[in-house]
Amino acid sequence: MAGIGPMIGQAGYFMQTAEEKIPFAIQRYTNESLRL
């Protein structure tokens, strides 16, 4: 609830849904998702 869902959800949003691709946000959420 606190980690897997929010982090993977944000990674997916910034990689696939967001109109503006922000490299820092993509890297931040992808790396944390991978860690989890």
Full PDB file with SEQRES, HELIX, SHEET, SSBOND, CRYST1, ORIGX, SCALE, CONECT and MASTER records, all heavy atoms in Angstrom:
SEQRES   1 A   36  MET ALA GLY ILE GLY PRO MET ILE GLY GLN ALA GLY TYR          
SEQRES   2 A   36  PHE MET GLN THR ALA GLU GLU LYS ILE PRO PHE ALA ILE          
SEQRES   3 A   36  GLN ARG TYR THR ASN GLU SER LEU ARG LEU                      
HELIX    1 AA1 ILE A    4  GLY A   12  1                                   9    
HELIX    2 AA2 TYR A   13  THR A   17  3                                   5    
HELIX    3 AA3 PRO A   23  ARG A   35  1                                  13    
CRYST1    1.000    1.000    1.000  90.00  90.00  90.00 P 1           1          
ORIGX1      1.000000  0.000000  0.000000        0.00000                         
ORIGX2      0.000000  1.000000  0.000000        0.00000                         
ORIGX3      0.000000  0.000000  1.000000        0.00000                         
SCALE1      1.000000  0.000000  0.000000        0.00000                         
SCALE2      0.000000  1.000000  0.000000        0.00000                         
SCALE3      0.000000  0.000000  1.000000        0.00000                         
ATOM      1  N   MET A   1       0.813  -1.211   0.000  1.00  0.00           N  
ATOM      2  CA  MET A   1       0.000   0.000   0.000  1.00  0.00           C  
ATOM      3  C   MET A   1       0.853   1.270   0.000  1.00  0.00           C  
ATOM      4  O   MET A   1       0.546   2.245  -0.681  1.00  0.00           O  
ATOM      5  CB  MET A   1      -0.928   0.009   1.223  1.00  0.00           C  
ATOM      6  CG  MET A   1      -1.913  -1.145   1.293  1.00  0.00           C  
ATOM      7  SD  MET A   1      -3.170  -1.098   0.014  1.00  0.00           S  
ATOM      8  CE  MET A   1      -4.012   0.420   0.429  1.00  0.00           C  
ATOM      9  N   ALA A   2       1.946   1.250   0.762  1.00  0.00           N  
ATOM     10  CA  ALA A   2       2.771   2.450   0.912  1.00  0.00           C  
ATOM     11  C   ALA A   2       3.883   2.548  -0.119  1.00  0.00           C  
ATOM     12  O   ALA A   2       4.363   3.649  -0.400  1.00  0.00           O  
ATOM     13  CB  ALA A   2       3.382   2.480   2.317  1.00  0.00           C  
ATOM     14  N   GLY A   3       4.315   1.413  -0.687  1.00  0.00           N  
ATOM     15  CA  GLY A   3       5.469   1.424  -1.562  1.00  0.00           C  
ATOM     16  C   GLY A   3       5.202   0.924  -2.961  1.00  0.00           C  
ATOM     17  O   GLY A   3       5.251   1.677  -3.939  1.00  0.00           O  
ATOM     18  N   ILE A   4       4.917  -0.372  -3.072  1.00  0.00           N  
ATOM     19  CA  ILE A   4       4.770  -0.995  -4.386  1.00  0.00           C  
ATOM     20  C   ILE A   4       3.736  -0.273  -5.257  1.00  0.00           C  
ATOM     21  O   ILE A   4       4.007   0.089  -6.413  1.00  0.00           O  
ATOM     22  CB  ILE A   4       4.391  -2.478  -4.244  1.00  0.00           C  
ATOM     23  CG1 ILE A   4       5.579  -3.298  -3.717  1.00  0.00           C  
ATOM     24  CG2 ILE A   4       3.895  -3.047  -5.573  1.00  0.00           C  
ATOM     25  CD1 ILE A   4       6.679  -3.530  -4.710  1.00  0.00           C  
ATOM     26  N   GLY A   5       2.551  -0.046  -4.729  1.00  0.00           N  
ATOM     27  CA  GLY A   5       1.497   0.588  -5.519  1.00  0.00           C  
ATOM     28  C   GLY A   5       1.819   2.022  -5.909  1.00  0.00           C  
ATOM     29  O   GLY A   5       1.820   2.367  -7.094  1.00  0.00           O  
ATOM     30  N   PRO A   6       2.112   2.896  -4.931  1.00  0.00           N  
ATOM     31  CA  PRO A   6       2.392   4.292  -5.279  1.00  0.00           C  
ATOM     32  C   PRO A   6       3.595   4.472  -6.204  1.00  0.00           C  
ATOM     33  O   PRO A   6       3.554   5.265  -7.149  1.00  0.00           O  
ATOM     34  CB  PRO A   6       2.635   4.947  -3.917  1.00  0.00           C  
ATOM     35  CG  PRO A   6       1.841   4.119  -2.962  1.00  0.00           C  
ATOM     36  CD  PRO A   6       1.967   2.721  -3.475  1.00  0.00           C  
ATOM     37  N   MET A   7       4.679   3.747  -5.952  1.00  0.00           N  
ATOM     38  CA  MET A   7       5.881   3.945  -6.764  1.00  0.00           C  
ATOM     39  C   MET A   7       5.708   3.418  -8.186  1.00  0.00           C  
ATOM     40  O   MET A   7       6.062   4.084  -9.160  1.00  0.00           O  
ATOM     41  CB  MET A   7       7.086   3.280  -6.090  1.00  0.00           C  
ATOM     42  CG  MET A   7       7.503   3.913  -4.784  1.00  0.00           C  
ATOM     43  SD  MET A   7       7.987   5.666  -4.928  1.00  0.00           S  
ATOM     44  CE  MET A   7       6.536   6.465  -4.231  1.00  0.00           C  
ATOM     45  N   ILE A   8       5.170   2.209  -8.329  1.00  0.00           N  
ATOM     46  CA  ILE A   8       4.945   1.673  -9.667  1.00  0.00           C  
ATOM     47  C   ILE A   8       3.905   2.519 -10.402  1.00  0.00           C  
ATOM     48  O   ILE A   8       4.022   2.773 -11.604  1.00  0.00           O  
ATOM     49  CB  ILE A   8       4.523   0.198  -9.607  1.00  0.00           C  
ATOM     50  CG1 ILE A   8       5.721  -0.672  -9.168  1.00  0.00           C  
ATOM     51  CG2 ILE A   8       3.991  -0.289 -10.955  1.00  0.00           C  
ATOM     52  CD1 ILE A   8       5.419  -2.146  -9.043  1.00  0.00           C  
ATOM     53  N   GLY A   9       2.898   2.974  -9.680  1.00  0.00           N  
ATOM     54  CA  GLY A   9       1.884   3.824 -10.291  1.00  0.00           C  
ATOM     55  C   GLY A   9       2.471   5.121 -10.821  1.00  0.00           C  
ATOM     56  O   GLY A   9       2.161   5.555 -11.944  1.00  0.00           O  
ATOM     57  N   GLN A  10       3.332   5.756 -10.044  1.00  0.00           N  
ATOM     58  CA  GLN A  10       3.958   7.000 -10.486  1.00  0.00           C  
ATOM     59  C   GLN A  10       4.932   6.759 -11.637  1.00  0.00           C  
ATOM     60  O   GLN A  10       5.008   7.550 -12.580  1.00  0.00           O  
ATOM     61  CB  GLN A  10       4.678   7.679  -9.320  1.00  0.00           C  
ATOM     62  CG  GLN A  10       3.765   8.230  -8.250  1.00  0.00           C  
ATOM     63  CD  GLN A  10       2.891   9.368  -8.753  1.00  0.00           C  
ATOM     64  OE1 GLN A  10       3.252  10.088  -9.681  1.00  0.00           O  
ATOM     65  NE2 GLN A  10       1.725   9.531  -8.158  1.00  0.00           N  
ATOM     66  N   ALA A  11       5.667   5.652 -11.570  1.00  0.00           N  
ATOM     67  CA  ALA A  11       6.577   5.326 -12.673  1.00  0.00           C  
ATOM     68  C   ALA A  11       5.799   5.160 -13.975  1.00  0.00           C  
ATOM     69  O   ALA A  11       6.192   5.683 -15.029  1.00  0.00           O  
ATOM     70  CB  ALA A  11       7.362   4.055 -12.346  1.00  0.00           C  
ATOM     71  N   GLY A  12       4.691   4.439 -13.896  1.00  0.00           N  
ATOM     72  CA  GLY A  12       3.865   4.244 -15.077  1.00  0.00           C  
ATOM     73  C   GLY A  12       3.289   5.551 -15.596  1.00  0.00           C  
ATOM     74  O   GLY A  12       3.238   5.780 -16.816  1.00  0.00           O  
ATOM     75  N   TYR A  13       2.879   6.412 -14.683  1.00  0.00           N  
ATOM     76  CA  TYR A  13       2.301   7.693 -15.098  1.00  0.00           C  
ATOM     77  C   TYR A  13       3.321   8.539 -15.857  1.00  0.00           C  
ATOM     78  O   TYR A  13       3.048   9.053 -16.948  1.00  0.00           O  
ATOM     79  CB  TYR A  13       1.774   8.466 -13.885  1.00  0.00           C  
ATOM     80  CG  TYR A  13       1.304   9.857 -14.245  1.00  0.00           C  
ATOM     81  CD1 TYR A  13       0.059  10.066 -14.827  1.00  0.00           C  
ATOM     82  CD2 TYR A  13       2.133  10.958 -14.045  1.00  0.00           C  
ATOM     83  CE1 TYR A  13      -0.366  11.339 -15.185  1.00  0.00           C  
ATOM     84  CE2 TYR A  13       1.721  12.233 -14.401  1.00  0.00           C  
ATOM     85  CZ  TYR A  13       0.477  12.418 -14.967  1.00  0.00           C  
ATOM     86  OH  TYR A  13       0.069  13.687 -15.329  1.00  0.00           O  
ATOM     87  N   PHE A  14       4.506   8.691 -15.273  1.00  0.00           N  
ATOM     88  CA  PHE A  14       5.491   9.572 -15.890  1.00  0.00           C  
ATOM     89  C   PHE A  14       6.095   8.975 -17.155  1.00  0.00           C  
ATOM     90  O   PHE A  14       6.519   9.707 -18.047  1.00  0.00           O  
ATOM     91  CB  PHE A  14       6.582   9.936 -14.880  1.00  0.00           C  
ATOM     92  CG  PHE A  14       6.158  10.989 -13.906  1.00  0.00           C  
ATOM     93  CD1 PHE A  14       5.857  10.663 -12.598  1.00  0.00           C  
ATOM     94  CD2 PHE A  14       6.030  12.304 -14.309  1.00  0.00           C  
ATOM     95  CE1 PHE A  14       5.455  11.640 -11.693  1.00  0.00           C  
ATOM     96  CE2 PHE A  14       5.625  13.289 -13.418  1.00  0.00           C  
ATOM     97  CZ  PHE A  14       5.332  12.963 -12.110  1.00  0.00           C  
ATOM     98  N   MET A  15       6.106   7.649 -17.273  1.00  0.00           N  
ATOM     99  CA  MET A  15       6.634   7.022 -18.478  1.00  0.00           C  
ATOM    100  C   MET A  15       5.613   6.980 -19.607  1.00  0.00           C  
ATOM    101  O   MET A  15       5.960   7.140 -20.781  1.00  0.00           O  
ATOM    102  CB  MET A  15       7.107   5.592 -18.166  1.00  0.00           C  
ATOM    103  CG  MET A  15       8.433   5.526 -17.451  1.00  0.00           C  
ATOM    104  SD  MET A  15       9.096   3.833 -17.391  1.00  0.00           S  
ATOM    105  CE  MET A  15       7.885   3.022 -16.346  1.00  0.00           C  
ATOM    106  N   GLN A  16       4.327   6.770 -19.262  1.00  0.00           N  
ATOM    107  CA  GLN A  16       3.342   6.461 -20.293  1.00  0.00           C  
ATOM    108  C   GLN A  16       2.252   7.514 -20.467  1.00  0.00           C  
ATOM    109  O   GLN A  16       1.779   7.731 -21.577  1.00  0.00           O  
ATOM    110  CB  GLN A  16       2.690   5.108 -19.986  1.00  0.00           C  
ATOM    111  CG  GLN A  16       3.677   3.954 -19.978  1.00  0.00           C  
ATOM    112  CD  GLN A  16       3.017   2.648 -19.580  1.00  0.00           C  
ATOM    113  OE1 GLN A  16       1.854   2.616 -19.193  1.00  0.00           O  
ATOM    114  NE2 GLN A  16       3.747   1.554 -19.679  1.00  0.00           N  
ATOM    115  N   THR A  17       1.826   8.135 -19.376  1.00  0.00           N  
ATOM    116  CA  THR A  17       0.632   8.971 -19.421  1.00  0.00           C  
ATOM    117  C   THR A  17       0.932  10.461 -19.497  1.00  0.00           C  
ATOM    118  O   THR A  17       0.255  11.199 -20.223  1.00  0.00           O  
ATOM    119  CB  THR A  17      -0.259   8.697 -18.201  1.00  0.00           C  
ATOM    120  OG1 THR A  17      -0.519   7.284 -18.117  1.00  0.00           O  
ATOM    121  CG2 THR A  17      -1.578   9.442 -18.303  1.00  0.00           C  
ATOM    122  N   ALA A  18       1.927  10.911 -18.760  1.00  0.00           N  
ATOM    123  CA  ALA A  18       2.214  12.341 -18.679  1.00  0.00           C  
ATOM    124  C   ALA A  18       2.537  12.910 -20.061  1.00  0.00           C  
ATOM    125  O   ALA A  18       3.298  12.319 -20.830  1.00  0.00           O  
ATOM    126  CB  ALA A  18       3.381  12.593 -17.729  1.00  0.00           C  
ATOM    127  N   GLU A  19       1.943  14.058 -20.361  1.00  0.00           N  
ATOM    128  CA  GLU A  19       2.204  14.701 -21.652  1.00  0.00           C  
ATOM    129  C   GLU A  19       3.654  15.160 -21.746  1.00  0.00           C  
ATOM    130  O   GLU A  19       4.278  15.075 -22.803  1.00  0.00           O  
ATOM    131  CB  GLU A  19       1.253  15.881 -21.842  1.00  0.00           C  
ATOM    132  CG  GLU A  19      -0.204  15.468 -21.991  1.00  0.00           C  
ATOM    133  CD  GLU A  19      -1.107  16.645 -22.260  1.00  0.00           C  
ATOM    134  OE1 GLU A  19      -0.585  17.780 -22.443  1.00  0.00           O  
ATOM    135  OE2 GLU A  19      -2.337  16.450 -22.307  1.00  0.00           O  
ATOM    136  N   GLU A  20       4.189  15.647 -20.640  1.00  0.00           N  
ATOM    137  CA  GLU A  20       5.592  16.073 -20.615  1.00  0.00           C  
ATOM    138  C   GLU A  20       6.428  14.970 -19.977  1.00  0.00           C  
ATOM    139  O   GLU A  20       6.166  14.560 -18.852  1.00  0.00           O  
ATOM    140  CB  GLU A  20       5.752  17.366 -19.814  1.00  0.00           C  
ATOM    141  CG  GLU A  20       7.187  17.849 -19.742  1.00  0.00           C  
ATOM    142  CD  GLU A  20       7.359  19.083 -18.866  1.00  0.00           C  
ATOM    143  OE1 GLU A  20       6.339  19.574 -18.343  1.00  0.00           O  
ATOM    144  OE2 GLU A  20       8.504  19.541 -18.707  1.00  0.00           O  
ATOM    145  N   LYS A  21       7.407  14.482 -20.695  1.00  0.00           N  
ATOM    146  CA  LYS A  21       8.287  13.439 -20.173  1.00  0.00           C  
ATOM    147  C   LYS A  21       9.411  14.101 -19.370  1.00  0.00           C  
ATOM    148  O   LYS A  21      10.252  14.813 -19.937  1.00  0.00           O  
ATOM    149  CB  LYS A  21       8.861  12.600 -21.319  1.00  0.00           C  
ATOM    150  CG  LYS A  21       7.784  11.826 -22.082  1.00  0.00           C  
ATOM    151  CD  LYS A  21       7.075  10.829 -21.162  1.00  0.00           C  
ATOM    152  CE  LYS A  21       6.029  10.007 -21.903  1.00  0.00           C  
ATOM    153  NZ  LYS A  21       4.783  10.750 -22.161  1.00  0.00           N  
ATOM    154  N   ILE A  22       9.394  13.899 -18.067  1.00  0.00           N  
ATOM    155  CA  ILE A  22      10.365  14.528 -17.161  1.00  0.00           C  
ATOM    156  C   ILE A  22      11.388  13.469 -16.761  1.00  0.00           C  
ATOM    157  O   ILE A  22      11.087  12.558 -15.974  1.00  0.00           O  
ATOM    158  CB  ILE A  22       9.655  15.087 -15.918  1.00  0.00           C  
ATOM    159  CG1 ILE A  22       8.549  16.050 -16.336  1.00  0.00           C  
ATOM    160  CG2 ILE A  22      10.659  15.783 -14.993  1.00  0.00           C  
ATOM    161  CD1 ILE A  22       7.671  16.522 -15.195  1.00  0.00           C  
ATOM    162  N   PRO A  23      12.604  13.538 -17.288  1.00  0.00           N  
ATOM    163  CA  PRO A  23      13.593  12.483 -17.036  1.00  0.00           C  
ATOM    164  C   PRO A  23      13.853  12.223 -15.558  1.00  0.00           C  
ATOM    165  O   PRO A  23      13.967  11.059 -15.142  1.00  0.00           O  
ATOM    166  CB  PRO A  23      14.850  13.012 -17.741  1.00  0.00           C  
ATOM    167  CG  PRO A  23      14.321  13.884 -18.836  1.00  0.00           C  
ATOM    168  CD  PRO A  23      13.101  14.538 -18.248  1.00  0.00           C  
ATOM    169  N   PHE A  24      13.943  13.273 -14.740  1.00  0.00           N  
ATOM    170  CA  PHE A  24      14.215  13.056 -13.319  1.00  0.00           C  
ATOM    171  C   PHE A  24      13.090  12.268 -12.659  1.00  0.00           C  
ATOM    172  O   PHE A  24      13.346  11.354 -11.865  1.00  0.00           O  
ATOM    173  CB  PHE A  24      14.390  14.396 -12.590  1.00  0.00           C  
ATOM    174  CG  PHE A  24      14.552  14.233 -11.097  1.00  0.00           C  
ATOM    175  CD1 PHE A  24      15.774  13.851 -10.558  1.00  0.00           C  
ATOM    176  CD2 PHE A  24      13.478  14.434 -10.242  1.00  0.00           C  
ATOM    177  CE1 PHE A  24      15.920  13.683  -9.188  1.00  0.00           C  
ATOM    178  CE2 PHE A  24      13.616  14.266  -8.868  1.00  0.00           C  
ATOM    179  CZ  PHE A  24      14.841  13.892  -8.344  1.00  0.00           C  
ATOM    180  N   ALA A  25      11.845  12.609 -12.965  1.00  0.00           N  
ATOM    181  CA  ALA A  25      10.712  11.901 -12.362  1.00  0.00           C  
ATOM    182  C   ALA A  25      10.683  10.447 -12.817  1.00  0.00           C  
ATOM    183  O   ALA A  25      10.443   9.538 -12.011  1.00  0.00           O  
ATOM    184  CB  ALA A  25       9.402  12.596 -12.730  1.00  0.00           C  
ATOM    185  N   ILE A  26      10.924  10.213 -14.089  1.00  0.00           N  
ATOM    186  CA  ILE A  26      10.938   8.842 -14.598  1.00  0.00           C  
ATOM    187  C   ILE A  26      12.014   8.025 -13.898  1.00  0.00           C  
ATOM    188  O   ILE A  26      11.774   6.903 -13.452  1.00  0.00           O  
ATOM    189  CB  ILE A  26      11.148   8.842 -16.128  1.00  0.00           C  
ATOM    190  CG1 ILE A  26       9.937   9.467 -16.826  1.00  0.00           C  
ATOM    191  CG2 ILE A  26      11.391   7.421 -16.640  1.00  0.00           C  
ATOM    192  CD1 ILE A  26      10.125   9.692 -18.305  1.00  0.00           C  
ATOM    193  N   GLN A  27      13.214   8.618 -13.794  1.00  0.00           N  
ATOM    194  CA  GLN A  27      14.321   7.902 -13.143  1.00  0.00           C  
ATOM    195  C   GLN A  27      14.028   7.664 -11.668  1.00  0.00           C  
ATOM    196  O   GLN A  27      14.282   6.579 -11.142  1.00  0.00           O  
ATOM    197  CB  GLN A  27      15.607   8.693 -13.300  1.00  0.00           C  
ATOM    198  CG  GLN A  27      16.837   8.000 -12.707  1.00  0.00           C  
ATOM    199  CD  GLN A  27      18.094   8.818 -12.872  1.00  0.00           C  
ATOM    200  OE1 GLN A  27      18.057  10.037 -12.875  1.00  0.00           O  
ATOM    201  NE2 GLN A  27      19.231   8.136 -13.018  1.00  0.00           N  
ATOM    202  N   ARG A  28      13.508   8.675 -11.004  1.00  0.00           N  
ATOM    203  CA  ARG A  28      13.233   8.575  -9.559  1.00  0.00           C  
ATOM    204  C   ARG A  28      12.259   7.443  -9.264  1.00  0.00           C  
ATOM    205  O   ARG A  28      12.530   6.588  -8.413  1.00  0.00           O  
ATOM    206  CB  ARG A  28      12.649   9.903  -9.065  1.00  0.00           C  
ATOM    207  CG  ARG A  28      11.945   9.848  -7.712  1.00  0.00           C  
ATOM    208  CD  ARG A  28      12.935   9.761  -6.566  1.00  0.00           C  
ATOM    209  NE  ARG A  28      12.257   9.765  -5.279  1.00  0.00           N  
ATOM    210  CZ  ARG A  28      11.842   8.684  -4.633  1.00  0.00           C  
ATOM    211  NH1 ARG A  28      12.041   7.487  -5.156  1.00  0.00           N  
ATOM    212  NH2 ARG A  28      11.242   8.790  -3.468  1.00  0.00           N  
ATOM    213  N   TYR A  29      11.139   7.409  -9.950  1.00  0.00           N  
ATOM    214  CA  TYR A  29      10.112   6.415  -9.642  1.00  0.00           C  
ATOM    215  C   TYR A  29      10.465   5.043 -10.197  1.00  0.00           C  
ATOM    216  O   TYR A  29      10.120   4.022  -9.591  1.00  0.00           O  
ATOM    217  CB  TYR A  29       8.754   6.894 -10.142  1.00  0.00           C  
ATOM    218  CG  TYR A  29       8.220   8.053  -9.338  1.00  0.00           C  
ATOM    219  CD1 TYR A  29       8.065   9.321  -9.902  1.00  0.00           C  
ATOM    220  CD2 TYR A  29       7.893   7.892  -7.997  1.00  0.00           C  
ATOM    221  CE1 TYR A  29       7.587  10.381  -9.151  1.00  0.00           C  
ATOM    222  CE2 TYR A  29       7.418   8.955  -7.245  1.00  0.00           C  
ATOM    223  CZ  TYR A  29       7.271  10.194  -7.822  1.00  0.00           C  
ATOM    224  OH  TYR A  29       6.814  11.249  -7.070  1.00  0.00           O  
ATOM    225  N   THR A  30      11.159   5.005 -11.315  1.00  0.00           N  
ATOM    226  CA  THR A  30      11.586   3.713 -11.843  1.00  0.00           C  
ATOM    227  C   THR A  30      12.597   3.057 -10.920  1.00  0.00           C  
ATOM    228  O   THR A  30      12.501   1.861 -10.609  1.00  0.00           O  
ATOM    229  CB  THR A  30      12.187   3.879 -13.252  1.00  0.00           C  
ATOM    230  OG1 THR A  30      11.194   4.404 -14.124  1.00  0.00           O  
ATOM    231  CG2 THR A  30      12.663   2.540 -13.800  1.00  0.00           C  
ATOM    232  N   ASN A  31      13.582   3.821 -10.460  1.00  0.00           N  
ATOM    233  CA  ASN A  31      14.611   3.265  -9.577  1.00  0.00           C  
ATOM    234  C   ASN A  31      14.022   2.786  -8.260  1.00  0.00           C  
ATOM    235  O   ASN A  31      14.404   1.721  -7.741  1.00  0.00           O  
ATOM    236  CB  ASN A  31      15.699   4.303  -9.307  1.00  0.00           C  
ATOM    237  CG  ASN A  31      16.595   4.536 -10.509  1.00  0.00           C  
ATOM    238  OD1 ASN A  31      16.571   3.755 -11.469  1.00  0.00           O  
ATOM    239  ND2 ASN A  31      17.382   5.595 -10.482  1.00  0.00           N  
ATOM    240  N   GLU A  32      13.094   3.550  -7.698  1.00  0.00           N  
ATOM    241  CA  GLU A  32      12.495   3.143  -6.430  1.00  0.00           C  
ATOM    242  C   GLU A  32      11.605   1.925  -6.619  1.00  0.00           C  
ATOM    243  O   GLU A  32      11.582   1.021  -5.772  1.00  0.00           O  
ATOM    244  CB  GLU A  32      11.705   4.294  -5.814  1.00  0.00           C  
ATOM    245  CG  GLU A  32      11.040   3.976  -4.488  1.00  0.00           C  
ATOM    246  CD  GLU A  32      11.998   3.588  -3.361  1.00  0.00           C  
ATOM    247  OE1 GLU A  32      13.236   3.674  -3.551  1.00  0.00           O  
ATOM    248  OE2 GLU A  32      11.509   3.187  -2.287  1.00  0.00           O  
ATOM    249  N   SER A  33      10.888   1.859  -7.721  1.00  0.00           N  
ATOM    250  CA  SER A  33      10.070   0.675  -8.010  1.00  0.00           C  
ATOM    251  C   SER A  33      10.953  -0.552  -8.143  1.00  0.00           C  
ATOM    252  O   SER A  33      10.633  -1.625  -7.621  1.00  0.00           O  
ATOM    253  CB  SER A  33       9.265   0.883  -9.292  1.00  0.00           C  
ATOM    254  OG  SER A  33       8.359   1.949  -9.162  1.00  0.00           O  
ATOM    255  N   LEU A  34      12.050  -0.404  -8.843  1.00  0.00           N  
ATOM    256  CA  LEU A  34      12.971  -1.520  -9.030  1.00  0.00           C  
ATOM    257  C   LEU A  34      13.549  -1.973  -7.696  1.00  0.00           C  
ATOM    258  O   LEU A  34      13.692  -3.172  -7.440  1.00  0.00           O  
ATOM    259  CB  LEU A  34      14.096  -1.114  -9.986  1.00  0.00           C  
ATOM    260  CG  LEU A  34      15.040  -2.218 -10.446  1.00  0.00           C  
ATOM    261  CD1 LEU A  34      14.280  -3.276 -11.240  1.00  0.00           C  
ATOM    262  CD2 LEU A  34      16.170  -1.638 -11.290  1.00  0.00           C  
ATOM    263  N   ARG A  35      13.864  -1.016  -6.834  1.00  0.00           N  
ATOM    264  CA  ARG A  35      14.376  -1.369  -5.502  1.00  0.00           C  
ATOM    265  C   ARG A  35      13.349  -2.168  -4.711  1.00  0.00           C  
ATOM    266  O   ARG A  35      13.675  -3.183  -4.073  1.00  0.00           O  
ATOM    267  CB  ARG A  35      14.756  -0.099  -4.723  1.00  0.00           C  
ATOM    268  CG  ARG A  35      15.419  -0.392  -3.373  1.00  0.00           C  
ATOM    269  CD  ARG A  35      15.548   0.866  -2.547  1.00  0.00           C  
ATOM    270  NE  ARG A  35      14.267   1.307  -2.018  1.00  0.00           N  
ATOM    271  CZ  ARG A  35      13.678   0.783  -0.934  1.00  0.00           C  
ATOM    272  NH1 ARG A  35      14.245  -0.215  -0.266  1.00  0.00           N  
ATOM    273  NH2 ARG A  35      12.518   1.257  -0.507  1.00  0.00           N  
ATOM    274  N   LEU A  36      12.097  -1.737  -4.753  1.00  0.00           N  
ATOM    275  CA  LEU A  36      11.044  -2.414  -4.008  1.00  0.00           C  
ATOM    276  C   LEU A  36      10.787  -3.819  -4.550  1.00  0.00           C  
ATOM    277  O   LEU A  36      10.571  -4.761  -3.774  1.00  0.00           O  
ATOM    278  CB  LEU A  36       9.762  -1.587  -4.057  1.00  0.00           C  
ATOM    279  CG  LEU A  36       9.812  -0.247  -3.309  1.00  0.00           C  
ATOM    280  CD1 LEU A  36       8.598   0.594  -3.644  1.00  0.00           C  
ATOM    281  CD2 LEU A  36       9.928  -0.451  -1.813  1.00  0.00           C  
TER     282      LEU A  36                                                      
MASTER        0    0    0    3    0    0    0    6  281    1    0    3          
END                                                                             
